[in-house]
Amino acid sequence: MDDQSFSCTLCGECCSGDMKIFPNIFDIYRMGIYLKMTHSRELFEQGILEWSVGQNGINLPKIRFKTYPYPFCPFLINDFDEEKGLRGLCSLHPDLKPLICKLAPLSREVDLETGLDQFSFIPPHPECPGCGRGQAIDIQSLRRELKEELEFEVRYYHLLAETASKDPSVIRDLFLFQLNMPPEELLPLVKPASR
């Protein structure tokens, strides 16, 4: 990846429109805890998550954007800055945001066969004003900062692939769990893939 710089301007554009945010299991856990739920099923029942076809044609949970007055993430808070300009804030920021949102404007590709894990710079929105501003993105620092989450997500990808190859009809069950456990107990639910 060439050196790319990015500094979020809080425009909120990447949190609206036709964006598709597919959270992983740990993201879902944190959303449910934030909303004081007892089971991840409540996120679907309350319309925060919905099932949608994701990567490799697998039916996965997706954040359901609100539709009125325009499509936007249910966690987006529109606010005004000191100059009365509109700004978009995430109610999950910074620690509870889905990993895909934390990584923006980077996209992550993991090859489960080879273990290759690489990042690409993809503007969060076609006219994103944050692209080309600020400091260059430091991938190595990002890898260190999000080490546990990145490793968890690889385990999650392995579990998805393994489940899809054996019995895709049970994939939904992976995302339905009690929320009354500490996060370290959730991690063993996604066991490291055997090689």
N, C-alpha and C. Protein backbone atom coordinates (compact mmCIF):
# COMPACT_ATOMS: atom_id res chain seq x y z
N MET A 1 0.85 -1.18 0.00
CA MET A 1 0.00 0.00 0.00
C MET A 1 0.89 1.24 0.00
N ASP A 2 0.65 2.14 -0.93
CA ASP A 2 1.39 3.39 -0.96
C ASP A 2 1.03 4.21 0.28
N ASP A 3 1.95 5.13 0.64
CA ASP A 3 1.65 6.01 1.77
C ASP A 3 0.38 6.79 1.48
N GLN A 4 -0.57 6.68 2.37
CA GLN A 4 -1.83 7.41 2.25
C GLN A 4 -2.04 8.15 3.56
N SER A 5 -2.56 9.34 3.45
CA SER A 5 -2.87 10.09 4.67
C SER A 5 -4.38 10.22 4.81
N PHE A 6 -4.79 10.33 6.06
CA PHE A 6 -6.22 10.43 6.33
C PHE A 6 -6.42 11.09 7.69
N SER A 7 -7.38 11.99 7.76
CA SER A 7 -7.79 12.61 9.01
C SER A 7 -9.30 12.83 8.93
N CYS A 8 -10.02 12.13 9.76
CA CYS A 8 -11.49 12.19 9.71
C CYS A 8 -11.97 13.62 9.98
N THR A 9 -12.90 14.08 9.15
CA THR A 9 -13.47 15.42 9.32
C THR A 9 -14.85 15.38 9.99
N LEU A 10 -15.28 14.18 10.38
CA LEU A 10 -16.59 13.98 11.03
C LEU A 10 -17.75 14.38 10.13
N CYS A 11 -17.60 14.18 8.83
CA CYS A 11 -18.68 14.55 7.91
C CYS A 11 -19.86 13.59 8.02
N GLY A 12 -19.63 12.36 8.47
CA GLY A 12 -20.71 11.39 8.63
C GLY A 12 -21.13 10.69 7.35
N GLU A 13 -20.50 11.01 6.23
CA GLU A 13 -20.89 10.42 4.95
C GLU A 13 -20.66 8.91 4.92
N CYS A 14 -19.61 8.43 5.59
CA CYS A 14 -19.34 6.99 5.57
C CYS A 14 -20.30 6.23 6.47
N CYS A 15 -21.11 6.96 7.23
CA CYS A 15 -22.10 6.34 8.13
C CYS A 15 -23.51 6.49 7.57
N SER A 16 -23.60 6.83 6.30
CA SER A 16 -24.91 7.04 5.69
C SER A 16 -24.91 6.52 4.26
N GLY A 17 -26.05 6.59 3.63
CA GLY A 17 -26.16 6.12 2.26
C GLY A 17 -26.30 4.61 2.17
N ASP A 18 -25.65 4.02 1.17
CA ASP A 18 -25.81 2.59 0.94
C ASP A 18 -24.65 1.75 1.46
N MET A 19 -23.96 2.24 2.48
CA MET A 19 -22.85 1.49 3.07
C MET A 19 -23.37 0.17 3.65
N LYS A 20 -22.55 -0.85 3.58
CA LYS A 20 -22.91 -2.14 4.16
C LYS A 20 -21.86 -2.49 5.21
N ILE A 21 -22.30 -2.52 6.46
CA ILE A 21 -21.41 -2.81 7.57
C ILE A 21 -21.77 -4.19 8.13
N PHE A 22 -20.86 -5.15 7.94
CA PHE A 22 -21.05 -6.51 8.45
C PHE A 22 -20.17 -6.68 9.70
N PRO A 23 -20.76 -6.59 10.89
CA PRO A 23 -19.96 -6.72 12.12
C PRO A 23 -19.58 -8.18 12.38
N ASN A 24 -18.45 -8.38 13.06
CA ASN A 24 -18.09 -9.73 13.45
C ASN A 24 -18.74 -10.05 14.80
N ILE A 25 -18.51 -11.24 15.30
CA ILE A 25 -19.17 -11.67 16.54
C ILE A 25 -18.81 -10.76 17.72
N PHE A 26 -17.54 -10.37 17.82
CA PHE A 26 -17.12 -9.52 18.92
C PHE A 26 -17.76 -8.14 18.83
N ASP A 27 -17.91 -7.61 17.60
CA ASP A 27 -18.60 -6.33 17.40
C ASP A 27 -20.04 -6.43 17.89
N ILE A 28 -20.68 -7.53 17.55
CA ILE A 28 -22.08 -7.74 17.94
C ILE A 28 -22.19 -7.81 19.47
N TYR A 29 -21.26 -8.50 20.08
CA TYR A 29 -21.23 -8.59 21.54
C TYR A 29 -21.17 -7.18 22.15
N ARG A 30 -20.24 -6.36 21.66
CA ARG A 30 -20.08 -5.01 22.22
C ARG A 30 -21.30 -4.14 21.97
N MET A 31 -21.92 -4.25 20.80
CA MET A 31 -23.15 -3.47 20.54
C MET A 31 -24.24 -3.83 21.54
N GLY A 32 -24.42 -5.14 21.75
CA GLY A 32 -25.45 -5.60 22.69
C GLY A 32 -25.20 -5.12 24.11
N ILE A 33 -23.93 -5.18 24.54
CA ILE A 33 -23.57 -4.72 25.89
C ILE A 33 -23.84 -3.21 26.00
N TYR A 34 -23.44 -2.45 24.98
CA TYR A 34 -23.65 -1.01 24.97
C TYR A 34 -25.14 -0.68 25.12
N LEU A 35 -25.99 -1.46 24.46
CA LEU A 35 -27.43 -1.22 24.50
C LEU A 35 -28.12 -1.92 25.67
N LYS A 36 -27.31 -2.50 26.57
CA LYS A 36 -27.81 -3.15 27.79
C LYS A 36 -28.78 -4.29 27.48
N MET A 37 -28.43 -5.07 26.48
CA MET A 37 -29.23 -6.23 26.10
C MET A 37 -28.69 -7.47 26.82
N THR A 38 -29.51 -8.53 26.84
CA THR A 38 -29.07 -9.76 27.49
C THR A 38 -28.73 -10.86 26.48
N HIS A 39 -29.21 -10.71 25.25
CA HIS A 39 -28.95 -11.71 24.22
C HIS A 39 -28.76 -11.00 22.88
N SER A 40 -27.85 -11.50 22.06
CA SER A 40 -27.61 -10.87 20.75
C SER A 40 -28.85 -10.90 19.86
N ARG A 41 -29.76 -11.83 20.11
CA ARG A 41 -31.00 -11.93 19.33
C ARG A 41 -31.78 -10.60 19.36
N GLU A 42 -31.66 -9.86 20.48
CA GLU A 42 -32.38 -8.60 20.63
C GLU A 42 -31.95 -7.57 19.58
N LEU A 43 -30.71 -7.63 19.12
CA LEU A 43 -30.25 -6.70 18.08
C LEU A 43 -31.02 -6.90 16.78
N PHE A 44 -31.39 -8.15 16.50
CA PHE A 44 -32.20 -8.44 15.32
C PHE A 44 -33.66 -8.08 15.57
N GLU A 45 -34.16 -8.42 16.75
CA GLU A 45 -35.55 -8.13 17.08
C GLU A 45 -35.84 -6.64 17.09
N GLN A 46 -34.87 -5.83 17.50
CA GLN A 46 -35.06 -4.38 17.53
C GLN A 46 -34.68 -3.70 16.22
N GLY A 47 -34.33 -4.47 15.21
CA GLY A 47 -34.04 -3.91 13.89
C GLY A 47 -32.71 -3.21 13.76
N ILE A 48 -31.78 -3.47 14.67
CA ILE A 48 -30.45 -2.87 14.57
C ILE A 48 -29.59 -3.68 13.61
N LEU A 49 -29.77 -5.00 13.64
CA LEU A 49 -29.11 -5.90 12.70
C LEU A 49 -30.15 -6.60 11.84
N GLU A 50 -29.74 -6.94 10.63
CA GLU A 50 -30.58 -7.73 9.74
C GLU A 50 -29.68 -8.70 8.99
N TRP A 51 -30.28 -9.74 8.42
CA TRP A 51 -29.52 -10.71 7.65
C TRP A 51 -29.40 -10.22 6.22
N SER A 52 -28.20 -10.34 5.67
CA SER A 52 -27.96 -9.89 4.30
C SER A 52 -26.84 -10.74 3.69
N VAL A 53 -26.88 -10.90 2.38
CA VAL A 53 -25.84 -11.67 1.71
C VAL A 53 -24.54 -10.88 1.73
N GLY A 54 -23.51 -11.48 2.28
CA GLY A 54 -22.20 -10.84 2.39
C GLY A 54 -21.19 -11.52 1.50
N GLN A 55 -19.94 -11.44 1.92
CA GLN A 55 -18.83 -12.01 1.15
C GLN A 55 -19.03 -13.51 0.94
N ASN A 56 -18.67 -13.98 -0.23
CA ASN A 56 -18.77 -15.39 -0.61
C ASN A 56 -20.20 -15.91 -0.59
N GLY A 57 -21.17 -15.01 -0.70
CA GLY A 57 -22.57 -15.41 -0.76
C GLY A 57 -23.14 -15.92 0.55
N ILE A 58 -22.46 -15.66 1.66
CA ILE A 58 -22.91 -16.15 2.97
C ILE A 58 -23.86 -15.12 3.57
N ASN A 59 -24.96 -15.61 4.13
CA ASN A 59 -25.93 -14.75 4.81
C ASN A 59 -25.37 -14.36 6.17
N LEU A 60 -25.11 -13.05 6.36
CA LEU A 60 -24.46 -12.56 7.57
C LEU A 60 -25.23 -11.40 8.19
N PRO A 61 -24.98 -11.12 9.47
CA PRO A 61 -25.59 -9.95 10.09
C PRO A 61 -25.00 -8.67 9.49
N LYS A 62 -25.87 -7.72 9.24
CA LYS A 62 -25.47 -6.41 8.71
C LYS A 62 -26.17 -5.36 9.54
N ILE A 63 -25.50 -4.25 9.81
CA ILE A 63 -26.16 -3.15 10.53
C ILE A 63 -27.25 -2.59 9.62
N ARG A 64 -28.45 -2.51 10.15
CA ARG A 64 -29.61 -2.01 9.38
C ARG A 64 -29.67 -0.50 9.54
N PHE A 65 -29.43 0.20 8.44
CA PHE A 65 -29.47 1.66 8.48
C PHE A 65 -30.90 2.15 8.58
N LYS A 66 -31.08 3.22 9.32
CA LYS A 66 -32.39 3.88 9.38
C LYS A 66 -32.67 4.46 8.00
N THR A 67 -33.92 4.68 7.68
CA THR A 67 -34.25 5.14 6.34
C THR A 67 -34.81 6.56 6.28
N TYR A 68 -35.17 7.12 7.43
CA TYR A 68 -35.78 8.46 7.39
C TYR A 68 -34.96 9.43 8.22
N PRO A 69 -34.66 10.58 7.77
CA PRO A 69 -35.04 11.20 6.50
C PRO A 69 -34.14 10.79 5.33
N TYR A 70 -33.09 10.02 5.62
CA TYR A 70 -32.21 9.45 4.60
C TYR A 70 -31.55 8.23 5.26
N PRO A 71 -30.94 7.35 4.50
CA PRO A 71 -30.32 6.17 5.11
C PRO A 71 -29.09 6.55 5.95
N PHE A 72 -29.05 6.10 7.21
CA PHE A 72 -27.88 6.34 8.06
C PHE A 72 -27.80 5.29 9.16
N CYS A 73 -26.59 5.09 9.66
CA CYS A 73 -26.32 4.10 10.71
C CYS A 73 -27.10 4.45 11.98
N PRO A 74 -27.67 3.45 12.66
CA PRO A 74 -28.41 3.75 13.88
C PRO A 74 -27.53 4.28 15.01
N PHE A 75 -26.20 4.16 14.86
CA PHE A 75 -25.29 4.66 15.89
C PHE A 75 -24.74 6.05 15.55
N LEU A 76 -25.17 6.61 14.42
CA LEU A 76 -24.72 7.94 14.02
C LEU A 76 -25.49 9.00 14.79
N ILE A 77 -24.75 9.95 15.34
CA ILE A 77 -25.35 11.10 16.03
C ILE A 77 -24.95 12.33 15.23
N ASN A 78 -25.92 13.02 14.67
CA ASN A 78 -25.62 14.27 13.98
C ASN A 78 -25.64 15.40 15.00
N ASP A 79 -24.61 16.20 14.95
CA ASP A 79 -24.39 17.26 15.92
C ASP A 79 -23.84 18.47 15.18
N PHE A 80 -23.67 19.58 15.89
CA PHE A 80 -23.10 20.78 15.29
C PHE A 80 -21.78 21.11 15.97
N ASP A 81 -20.82 21.57 15.16
CA ASP A 81 -19.54 21.99 15.73
C ASP A 81 -19.65 23.45 16.18
N GLU A 82 -18.52 24.02 16.62
CA GLU A 82 -18.51 25.39 17.16
C GLU A 82 -18.94 26.43 16.12
N GLU A 83 -18.69 26.15 14.84
CA GLU A 83 -19.07 27.09 13.77
C GLU A 83 -20.46 26.78 13.21
N LYS A 84 -21.22 25.95 13.91
CA LYS A 84 -22.58 25.56 13.52
C LYS A 84 -22.60 24.70 12.25
N GLY A 85 -21.48 24.06 11.97
CA GLY A 85 -21.42 23.12 10.85
C GLY A 85 -21.84 21.74 11.33
N LEU A 86 -22.53 21.01 10.47
CA LEU A 86 -23.00 19.67 10.82
C LEU A 86 -21.82 18.71 10.90
N ARG A 87 -21.81 17.88 11.93
CA ARG A 87 -20.78 16.86 12.05
C ARG A 87 -21.44 15.55 12.47
N GLY A 88 -20.86 14.46 12.01
CA GLY A 88 -21.38 13.15 12.33
C GLY A 88 -20.51 12.47 13.37
N LEU A 89 -21.10 12.06 14.45
CA LEU A 89 -20.38 11.39 15.53
C LEU A 89 -20.93 9.98 15.69
N CYS A 90 -20.07 9.06 16.08
CA CYS A 90 -20.49 7.68 16.31
C CYS A 90 -20.69 7.47 17.81
N SER A 91 -21.86 6.99 18.19
CA SER A 91 -22.12 6.77 19.61
C SER A 91 -21.30 5.59 20.15
N LEU A 92 -20.70 4.79 19.28
CA LEU A 92 -19.87 3.68 19.70
C LEU A 92 -18.38 4.04 19.73
N HIS A 93 -18.04 5.25 19.29
CA HIS A 93 -16.65 5.68 19.19
C HIS A 93 -16.05 5.93 20.56
N PRO A 94 -14.81 5.59 20.85
CA PRO A 94 -13.88 4.90 19.95
C PRO A 94 -13.81 3.40 20.18
N ASP A 95 -14.08 2.94 21.40
CA ASP A 95 -13.78 1.55 21.74
C ASP A 95 -14.80 0.52 21.28
N LEU A 96 -16.04 0.91 21.09
CA LEU A 96 -17.07 -0.07 20.78
C LEU A 96 -17.43 -0.15 19.30
N LYS A 97 -16.77 0.66 18.49
CA LYS A 97 -17.05 0.66 17.05
C LYS A 97 -16.72 -0.71 16.45
N PRO A 98 -17.50 -1.13 15.45
CA PRO A 98 -17.13 -2.36 14.74
C PRO A 98 -15.73 -2.21 14.15
N LEU A 99 -15.01 -3.31 14.08
CA LEU A 99 -13.64 -3.27 13.58
C LEU A 99 -13.56 -2.67 12.19
N ILE A 100 -14.51 -2.98 11.33
CA ILE A 100 -14.49 -2.43 9.97
C ILE A 100 -14.52 -0.90 9.99
N CYS A 101 -15.22 -0.33 10.96
CA CYS A 101 -15.30 1.13 11.09
C CYS A 101 -14.01 1.69 11.69
N LYS A 102 -13.42 0.96 12.65
CA LYS A 102 -12.16 1.40 13.24
C LYS A 102 -11.05 1.44 12.20
N LEU A 103 -11.09 0.52 11.26
CA LEU A 103 -10.04 0.42 10.25
C LEU A 103 -10.18 1.46 9.13
N ALA A 104 -11.37 1.98 8.92
CA ALA A 104 -11.59 2.93 7.82
C ALA A 104 -10.58 4.06 7.90
N PRO A 105 -9.98 4.41 6.78
CA PRO A 105 -10.28 4.11 5.38
C PRO A 105 -9.54 2.89 4.82
N LEU A 106 -9.17 1.97 5.70
CA LEU A 106 -8.47 0.78 5.23
C LEU A 106 -9.44 -0.38 5.09
N SER A 107 -9.21 -1.16 4.08
CA SER A 107 -9.93 -2.40 3.88
C SER A 107 -8.94 -3.52 4.14
N ARG A 108 -9.40 -4.57 4.78
CA ARG A 108 -8.51 -5.68 5.13
C ARG A 108 -8.88 -6.92 4.34
N GLU A 109 -7.88 -7.58 3.81
CA GLU A 109 -8.09 -8.83 3.09
C GLU A 109 -7.21 -9.89 3.74
N VAL A 110 -7.85 -10.99 4.14
CA VAL A 110 -7.14 -12.09 4.78
C VAL A 110 -7.31 -13.33 3.91
N ASP A 111 -6.20 -13.93 3.52
CA ASP A 111 -6.23 -15.18 2.77
C ASP A 111 -6.11 -16.31 3.79
N LEU A 112 -7.19 -17.05 3.98
CA LEU A 112 -7.20 -18.08 5.02
C LEU A 112 -6.28 -19.24 4.70
N GLU A 113 -6.00 -19.46 3.43
CA GLU A 113 -5.11 -20.56 3.04
C GLU A 113 -3.65 -20.24 3.33
N THR A 114 -3.23 -19.04 2.94
CA THR A 114 -1.81 -18.67 3.07
C THR A 114 -1.51 -17.88 4.34
N GLY A 115 -2.53 -17.32 4.97
CA GLY A 115 -2.32 -16.48 6.14
C GLY A 115 -1.96 -15.05 5.79
N LEU A 116 -1.91 -14.74 4.49
CA LEU A 116 -1.58 -13.38 4.06
C LEU A 116 -2.66 -12.42 4.56
N ASP A 117 -2.23 -11.36 5.19
CA ASP A 117 -3.13 -10.38 5.80
C ASP A 117 -2.65 -9.01 5.33
N GLN A 118 -3.42 -8.38 4.44
CA GLN A 118 -2.96 -7.09 3.91
C GLN A 118 -4.08 -6.06 3.93
N PHE A 119 -3.65 -4.81 3.91
CA PHE A 119 -4.57 -3.68 3.94
C PHE A 119 -4.50 -2.90 2.64
N SER A 120 -5.62 -2.34 2.26
CA SER A 120 -5.70 -1.46 1.09
C SER A 120 -6.38 -0.17 1.53
N PHE A 121 -6.00 0.91 0.90
CA PHE A 121 -6.62 2.20 1.18
C PHE A 121 -7.83 2.36 0.27
N ILE A 122 -9.01 2.47 0.88
CA ILE A 122 -10.24 2.67 0.13
C ILE A 122 -10.99 3.82 0.80
N PRO A 123 -11.17 4.94 0.09
CA PRO A 123 -11.90 6.05 0.71
C PRO A 123 -13.24 5.58 1.27
N PRO A 124 -13.59 5.97 2.49
CA PRO A 124 -14.84 5.55 3.10
C PRO A 124 -16.07 6.04 2.33
N HIS A 125 -15.86 7.08 1.56
CA HIS A 125 -16.94 7.66 0.75
C HIS A 125 -16.26 8.25 -0.48
N PRO A 126 -16.90 8.19 -1.65
CA PRO A 126 -16.23 8.67 -2.87
C PRO A 126 -15.66 10.08 -2.77
N GLU A 127 -16.32 10.98 -2.07
CA GLU A 127 -15.82 12.36 -1.95
C GLU A 127 -15.36 12.65 -0.52
N CYS A 128 -14.79 11.67 0.14
CA CYS A 128 -14.38 11.81 1.54
C CYS A 128 -13.37 12.95 1.68
N PRO A 129 -13.73 13.99 2.47
CA PRO A 129 -12.81 15.11 2.65
C PRO A 129 -11.62 14.79 3.55
N GLY A 130 -11.63 13.65 4.23
CA GLY A 130 -10.53 13.27 5.11
C GLY A 130 -9.34 12.65 4.39
N CYS A 131 -9.57 12.18 3.16
CA CYS A 131 -8.50 11.55 2.38
C CYS A 131 -7.49 12.60 1.93
N GLY A 132 -6.21 12.29 2.12
CA GLY A 132 -5.16 13.22 1.73
C GLY A 132 -4.84 14.26 2.79
N ARG A 133 -5.47 14.17 3.94
CA ARG A 133 -5.23 15.12 5.04
C ARG A 133 -4.50 14.42 6.16
N GLY A 134 -3.85 15.20 6.99
CA GLY A 134 -3.22 14.66 8.20
C GLY A 134 -1.99 13.82 7.92
N GLN A 135 -1.69 12.96 8.88
CA GLN A 135 -0.50 12.13 8.79
C GLN A 135 -0.75 10.89 7.95
N ALA A 136 0.34 10.32 7.45
CA ALA A 136 0.25 9.05 6.71
C ALA A 136 -0.24 7.97 7.67
N ILE A 137 -1.03 7.06 7.16
CA ILE A 137 -1.54 5.95 7.96
C ILE A 137 -0.39 5.00 8.25
N ASP A 138 -0.21 4.67 9.52
CA ASP A 138 0.87 3.79 9.95
C ASP A 138 0.28 2.40 10.22
N ILE A 139 0.40 1.52 9.22
CA ILE A 139 -0.18 0.18 9.32
C ILE A 139 0.39 -0.60 10.50
N GLN A 140 1.69 -0.51 10.73
CA GLN A 140 2.30 -1.28 11.82
C GLN A 140 1.77 -0.83 13.18
N SER A 141 1.60 0.47 13.37
CA SER A 141 1.03 0.96 14.63
C SER A 141 -0.41 0.48 14.78
N LEU A 142 -1.14 0.52 13.68
CA LEU A 142 -2.53 0.05 13.69
C LEU A 142 -2.58 -1.43 14.05
N ARG A 143 -1.70 -2.22 13.47
CA ARG A 143 -1.65 -3.66 13.79
C ARG A 143 -1.38 -3.89 15.28
N ARG A 144 -0.46 -3.10 15.85
CA ARG A 144 -0.16 -3.23 17.29
C ARG A 144 -1.36 -2.81 18.14
N GLU A 145 -1.95 -1.69 17.79
CA GLU A 145 -3.07 -1.13 18.57
C GLU A 145 -4.29 -2.05 18.56
N LEU A 146 -4.55 -2.69 17.44
CA LEU A 146 -5.74 -3.53 17.29
C LEU A 146 -5.40 -5.02 17.23
N LYS A 147 -4.25 -5.40 17.76
CA LYS A 147 -3.74 -6.77 17.64
C LYS A 147 -4.77 -7.83 18.04
N GLU A 148 -5.35 -7.68 19.22
CA GLU A 148 -6.31 -8.69 19.71
C GLU A 148 -7.53 -8.77 18.80
N GLU A 149 -8.05 -7.62 18.39
CA GLU A 149 -9.23 -7.63 17.53
C GLU A 149 -8.93 -8.22 16.15
N LEU A 150 -7.77 -7.89 15.60
CA LEU A 150 -7.39 -8.42 14.29
C LEU A 150 -7.21 -9.94 14.35
N GLU A 151 -6.59 -10.43 15.42
CA GLU A 151 -6.41 -11.87 15.58
C GLU A 151 -7.76 -12.56 15.78
N PHE A 152 -8.61 -11.94 16.57
CA PHE A 152 -9.95 -12.50 16.79
C PHE A 152 -10.69 -12.61 15.45
N GLU A 153 -10.58 -11.56 14.64
CA GLU A 153 -11.31 -11.57 13.38
C GLU A 153 -10.82 -12.67 12.44
N VAL A 154 -9.53 -12.97 12.45
CA VAL A 154 -9.02 -14.08 11.63
C VAL A 154 -9.64 -15.39 12.11
N ARG A 155 -9.71 -15.58 13.42
CA ARG A 155 -10.36 -16.77 13.97
C ARG A 155 -11.83 -16.82 13.54
N TYR A 156 -12.47 -15.67 13.57
CA TYR A 156 -13.87 -15.56 13.15
C TYR A 156 -14.02 -15.95 11.68
N TYR A 157 -13.12 -15.45 10.81
CA TYR A 157 -13.16 -15.79 9.39
C TYR A 157 -13.00 -17.30 9.17
N HIS A 158 -12.07 -17.91 9.93
CA HIS A 158 -11.87 -19.36 9.82
C HIS A 158 -13.15 -20.10 10.21
N LEU A 159 -13.77 -19.68 11.29
CA LEU A 159 -15.00 -20.32 11.76
C LEU A 159 -16.10 -20.18 10.72
N LEU A 160 -16.24 -18.99 10.14
CA LEU A 160 -17.25 -18.79 9.10
C LEU A 160 -17.01 -19.72 7.91
N ALA A 161 -15.77 -19.76 7.45
CA ALA A 161 -15.43 -20.59 6.29
C ALA A 161 -15.67 -22.07 6.59
N GLU A 162 -15.26 -22.49 7.78
CA GLU A 162 -15.44 -23.90 8.18
C GLU A 162 -16.92 -24.25 8.27
N THR A 163 -17.70 -23.36 8.89
CA THR A 163 -19.14 -23.61 9.05
C THR A 163 -19.82 -23.60 7.69
N ALA A 164 -19.47 -22.65 6.83
CA ALA A 164 -20.09 -22.56 5.50
C ALA A 164 -19.78 -23.81 4.67
N SER A 165 -18.59 -24.37 4.84
CA SER A 165 -18.24 -25.55 4.05
C SER A 165 -18.93 -26.80 4.56
N LYS A 166 -19.25 -26.84 5.86
CA LYS A 166 -19.90 -28.02 6.43
C LYS A 166 -21.42 -27.94 6.36
N ASP A 167 -21.96 -26.86 6.93
CA ASP A 167 -23.42 -26.71 6.99
C ASP A 167 -23.79 -25.23 7.09
N PRO A 168 -23.93 -24.56 5.92
CA PRO A 168 -24.22 -23.12 5.94
C PRO A 168 -25.51 -22.76 6.67
N SER A 169 -26.41 -23.73 6.83
CA SER A 169 -27.69 -23.43 7.48
C SER A 169 -27.52 -23.09 8.96
N VAL A 170 -26.39 -23.44 9.57
CA VAL A 170 -26.20 -23.14 10.99
C VAL A 170 -25.39 -21.87 11.23
N ILE A 171 -25.05 -21.15 10.17
CA ILE A 171 -24.26 -19.92 10.34
C ILE A 171 -24.98 -18.94 11.26
N ARG A 172 -26.29 -18.85 11.13
CA ARG A 172 -27.03 -17.90 11.99
C ARG A 172 -26.80 -18.18 13.47
N ASP A 173 -26.66 -19.45 13.81
CA ASP A 173 -26.46 -19.82 15.21
C ASP A 173 -25.19 -19.23 15.81
N LEU A 174 -24.18 -18.98 14.96
CA LEU A 174 -22.93 -18.40 15.45
C LEU A 174 -23.13 -17.02 16.05
N PHE A 175 -24.15 -16.33 15.59
CA PHE A 175 -24.36 -14.93 15.98
C PHE A 175 -25.41 -14.77 17.07
N LEU A 176 -25.92 -15.87 17.59
CA LEU A 176 -26.94 -15.81 18.62
C LEU A 176 -26.36 -16.37 19.92
N PHE A 177 -26.16 -15.49 20.89
CA PHE A 177 -25.53 -15.91 22.13
C PHE A 177 -25.92 -14.96 23.26
N GLN A 178 -25.77 -15.47 24.49
CA GLN A 178 -26.02 -14.67 25.69
C GLN A 178 -24.96 -13.58 25.81
N LEU A 179 -25.36 -12.44 26.34
CA LEU A 179 -24.43 -11.33 26.51
C LEU A 179 -23.99 -11.15 27.96
N ASN A 180 -24.38 -12.08 28.82
CA ASN A 180 -24.06 -11.95 30.25
C ASN A 180 -22.75 -12.64 30.60
N MET A 181 -21.77 -12.56 29.70
CA MET A 181 -20.46 -13.15 29.97
C MET A 181 -19.40 -12.09 29.74
N PRO A 182 -18.29 -12.20 30.42
CA PRO A 182 -17.20 -11.26 30.14
C PRO A 182 -16.63 -11.53 28.75
N PRO A 183 -16.05 -10.52 28.11
CA PRO A 183 -15.58 -10.69 26.73
C PRO A 183 -14.55 -11.80 26.56
N GLU A 184 -13.73 -12.06 27.58
CA GLU A 184 -12.74 -13.13 27.43
C GLU A 184 -13.39 -14.51 27.31
N GLU A 185 -14.65 -14.63 27.76
CA GLU A 185 -15.37 -15.89 27.59
C GLU A 185 -15.99 -16.00 26.21
N LEU A 186 -16.19 -14.88 25.54
CA LEU A 186 -16.72 -14.91 24.18
C LEU A 186 -15.64 -15.42 23.22
N LEU A 187 -14.40 -15.00 23.44
CA LEU A 187 -13.33 -15.37 22.53
C LEU A 187 -13.20 -16.88 22.35
N PRO A 188 -13.30 -17.71 23.43
CA PRO A 188 -13.22 -19.15 23.20
C PRO A 188 -14.35 -19.72 22.34
N LEU A 189 -15.46 -18.98 22.22
CA LEU A 189 -16.54 -19.44 21.34
C LEU A 189 -16.04 -19.54 19.90
N VAL A 190 -15.09 -18.69 19.57
CA VAL A 190 -14.50 -18.72 18.23
C VAL A 190 -13.12 -19.34 18.39
N LYS A 191 -13.08 -20.65 18.28
CA LYS A 191 -11.83 -21.37 18.50
C LYS A 191 -10.87 -21.21 17.31
N PRO A 192 -9.57 -21.24 17.58
CA PRO A 192 -8.63 -21.17 16.46
C PRO A 192 -8.86 -22.33 15.50
N ALA A 193 -8.81 -22.05 14.22
CA ALA A 193 -9.02 -23.10 13.22
C ALA A 193 -7.88 -24.09 13.28
N SER A 194 -8.22 -25.37 13.18
CA SER A 194 -7.18 -26.39 13.14
C SER A 194 -6.62 -26.45 11.72
N ARG A 195 -5.32 -26.62 11.63
CA ARG A 195 -4.67 -26.63 10.31
C ARG A 195 -4.18 -28.01 9.99
